[in-house]
């Protein structure tokens, strides 16, 4: 691969990652909106038997 192609490929990869991140965020927000349950760190640790 020519060195001159590297910036283009890096930018393309970063843009693709950003698009994937945005879709994952939208999906997570939709799920949270439908069922807005949250847990404290203490609750999670107790549930997992860590405390």
N, C-alpha and C. Protein backbone atom coordinates (compact mmCIF):
# COMPACT_ATOMS: atom_id res chain seq x y z
N UNK A 1 0.85 -1.17 0.00
CA UNK A 1 0.00 0.00 0.00
C UNK A 1 0.90 1.24 0.00
N UNK A 2 0.66 2.14 -0.92
CA UNK A 2 1.44 3.37 -0.93
C UNK A 2 1.20 4.19 0.34
N UNK A 3 2.24 4.81 0.84
CA UNK A 3 2.15 5.62 2.06
C UNK A 3 1.12 6.73 1.90
N UNK A 4 0.92 7.22 0.70
CA UNK A 4 -0.04 8.31 0.48
C UNK A 4 -1.48 7.86 0.69
N UNK A 5 -1.74 6.54 0.65
CA UNK A 5 -3.10 6.03 0.86
C UNK A 5 -3.46 5.91 2.34
N UNK A 6 -2.46 5.87 3.19
CA UNK A 6 -2.70 5.62 4.61
C UNK A 6 -3.67 6.63 5.25
N UNK A 7 -3.51 7.94 5.08
CA UNK A 7 -4.45 8.87 5.70
C UNK A 7 -5.90 8.65 5.24
N UNK A 8 -6.07 8.37 3.96
CA UNK A 8 -7.41 8.12 3.43
C UNK A 8 -8.03 6.88 4.08
N UNK A 9 -7.24 5.81 4.18
CA UNK A 9 -7.75 4.58 4.78
C UNK A 9 -8.05 4.74 6.26
N UNK A 10 -7.20 5.48 6.97
CA UNK A 10 -7.43 5.72 8.39
C UNK A 10 -8.69 6.54 8.59
N UNK A 11 -8.89 7.57 7.77
CA UNK A 11 -10.10 8.39 7.86
C UNK A 11 -11.35 7.57 7.56
N UNK A 12 -11.26 6.71 6.57
CA UNK A 12 -12.40 5.87 6.20
C UNK A 12 -12.74 4.90 7.34
N UNK A 13 -11.73 4.31 7.92
CA UNK A 13 -11.95 3.38 9.03
C UNK A 13 -12.56 4.11 10.23
N UNK A 14 -12.06 5.30 10.52
CA UNK A 14 -12.59 6.07 11.65
C UNK A 14 -14.05 6.46 11.41
N UNK A 15 -14.36 6.87 10.19
CA UNK A 15 -15.74 7.24 9.87
C UNK A 15 -16.67 6.03 10.01
N UNK A 16 -16.21 4.88 9.56
CA UNK A 16 -17.01 3.65 9.69
C UNK A 16 -17.24 3.32 11.16
N UNK A 17 -16.20 3.43 11.97
CA UNK A 17 -16.33 3.16 13.40
C UNK A 17 -17.31 4.15 14.03
N UNK A 18 -17.24 5.42 13.65
CA UNK A 18 -18.16 6.42 14.18
C UNK A 18 -19.60 6.10 13.82
N UNK A 19 -19.83 5.64 12.60
CA UNK A 19 -21.18 5.28 12.17
C UNK A 19 -21.71 4.09 12.96
N UNK A 20 -20.86 3.11 13.19
CA UNK A 20 -21.25 1.94 13.99
C UNK A 20 -21.57 2.37 15.41
N UNK A 21 -20.72 3.22 16.00
CA UNK A 21 -20.96 3.71 17.35
C UNK A 21 -22.29 4.45 17.45
N UNK A 22 -22.59 5.27 16.46
CA UNK A 22 -23.84 6.03 16.47
C UNK A 22 -25.05 5.09 16.40
N UNK A 23 -24.98 4.07 15.57
CA UNK A 23 -26.09 3.11 15.48
C UNK A 23 -26.26 2.35 16.80
N UNK A 24 -25.16 1.96 17.42
CA UNK A 24 -25.23 1.27 18.72
C UNK A 24 -25.82 2.19 19.78
N UNK A 25 -25.45 3.46 19.77
CA UNK A 25 -26.00 4.44 20.71
C UNK A 25 -27.50 4.57 20.53
N UNK A 26 -27.94 4.71 19.28
CA UNK A 26 -29.37 4.86 19.00
C UNK A 26 -30.15 3.63 19.49
N UNK A 27 -29.60 2.45 19.26
CA UNK A 27 -30.25 1.22 19.69
C UNK A 27 -30.34 1.17 21.22
N UNK A 28 -29.26 1.50 21.89
CA UNK A 28 -29.24 1.48 23.35
C UNK A 28 -30.21 2.50 23.93
N UNK A 29 -30.27 3.68 23.34
CA UNK A 29 -31.20 4.70 23.83
C UNK A 29 -32.65 4.28 23.63
N UNK A 30 -32.94 3.63 22.52
CA UNK A 30 -34.30 3.15 22.27
C UNK A 30 -34.68 2.10 23.32
N UNK A 31 -33.76 1.17 23.59
CA UNK A 31 -34.03 0.15 24.60
C UNK A 31 -34.21 0.78 25.98
N UNK A 32 -33.39 1.76 26.31
CA UNK A 32 -33.48 2.40 27.61
C UNK A 32 -34.80 3.18 27.73
N UNK A 33 -35.21 3.82 26.66
CA UNK A 33 -36.46 4.58 26.67
C UNK A 33 -37.65 3.65 26.93
N UNK A 34 -37.60 2.46 26.36
CA UNK A 34 -38.67 1.49 26.56
C UNK A 34 -38.67 0.90 27.97
N UNK A 35 -37.51 0.77 28.57
CA UNK A 35 -37.38 0.16 29.91
C UNK A 35 -36.25 0.86 30.66
N UNK A 36 -36.56 2.04 31.24
CA UNK A 36 -35.50 2.87 31.85
C UNK A 36 -35.07 2.41 33.25
N UNK A 37 -34.61 1.18 33.34
CA UNK A 37 -34.13 0.65 34.61
C UNK A 37 -32.64 0.87 34.71
N UNK A 38 -32.20 1.37 35.85
CA UNK A 38 -30.77 1.54 36.09
C UNK A 38 -30.41 0.88 37.41
N UNK A 39 -29.14 0.58 37.60
CA UNK A 39 -28.66 -0.05 38.81
C UNK A 39 -27.43 0.70 39.30
N UNK A 40 -27.31 0.79 40.62
CA UNK A 40 -26.11 1.39 41.19
C UNK A 40 -24.97 0.39 41.13
N UNK A 41 -23.76 0.86 41.31
CA UNK A 41 -22.61 -0.04 41.34
C UNK A 41 -22.76 -1.03 42.49
N UNK A 42 -23.24 -0.58 43.63
CA UNK A 42 -23.44 -1.48 44.77
C UNK A 42 -24.42 -2.60 44.43
N UNK A 43 -25.50 -2.27 43.74
CA UNK A 43 -26.48 -3.28 43.35
C UNK A 43 -25.87 -4.31 42.40
N UNK A 44 -25.11 -3.85 41.46
CA UNK A 44 -24.48 -4.76 40.50
C UNK A 44 -23.49 -5.67 41.21
N UNK A 45 -22.67 -5.11 42.08
CA UNK A 45 -21.69 -5.91 42.81
C UNK A 45 -22.38 -6.97 43.65
N UNK A 46 -23.48 -6.59 44.34
CA UNK A 46 -24.23 -7.57 45.15
C UNK A 46 -24.80 -8.67 44.26
N UNK A 47 -25.40 -8.29 43.13
CA UNK A 47 -26.00 -9.26 42.20
C UNK A 47 -24.95 -10.25 41.68
N UNK A 48 -23.74 -9.77 41.46
CA UNK A 48 -22.67 -10.61 40.94
C UNK A 48 -21.89 -11.34 42.05
N UNK A 49 -22.29 -11.09 43.29
CA UNK A 49 -21.61 -11.72 44.40
C UNK A 49 -20.22 -11.19 44.66
N UNK A 50 -19.99 -9.95 44.32
CA UNK A 50 -18.67 -9.36 44.50
C UNK A 50 -18.50 -8.67 45.84
N UNK A 51 -19.59 -8.52 46.58
CA UNK A 51 -19.50 -7.91 47.92
C UNK A 51 -20.14 -8.78 48.94
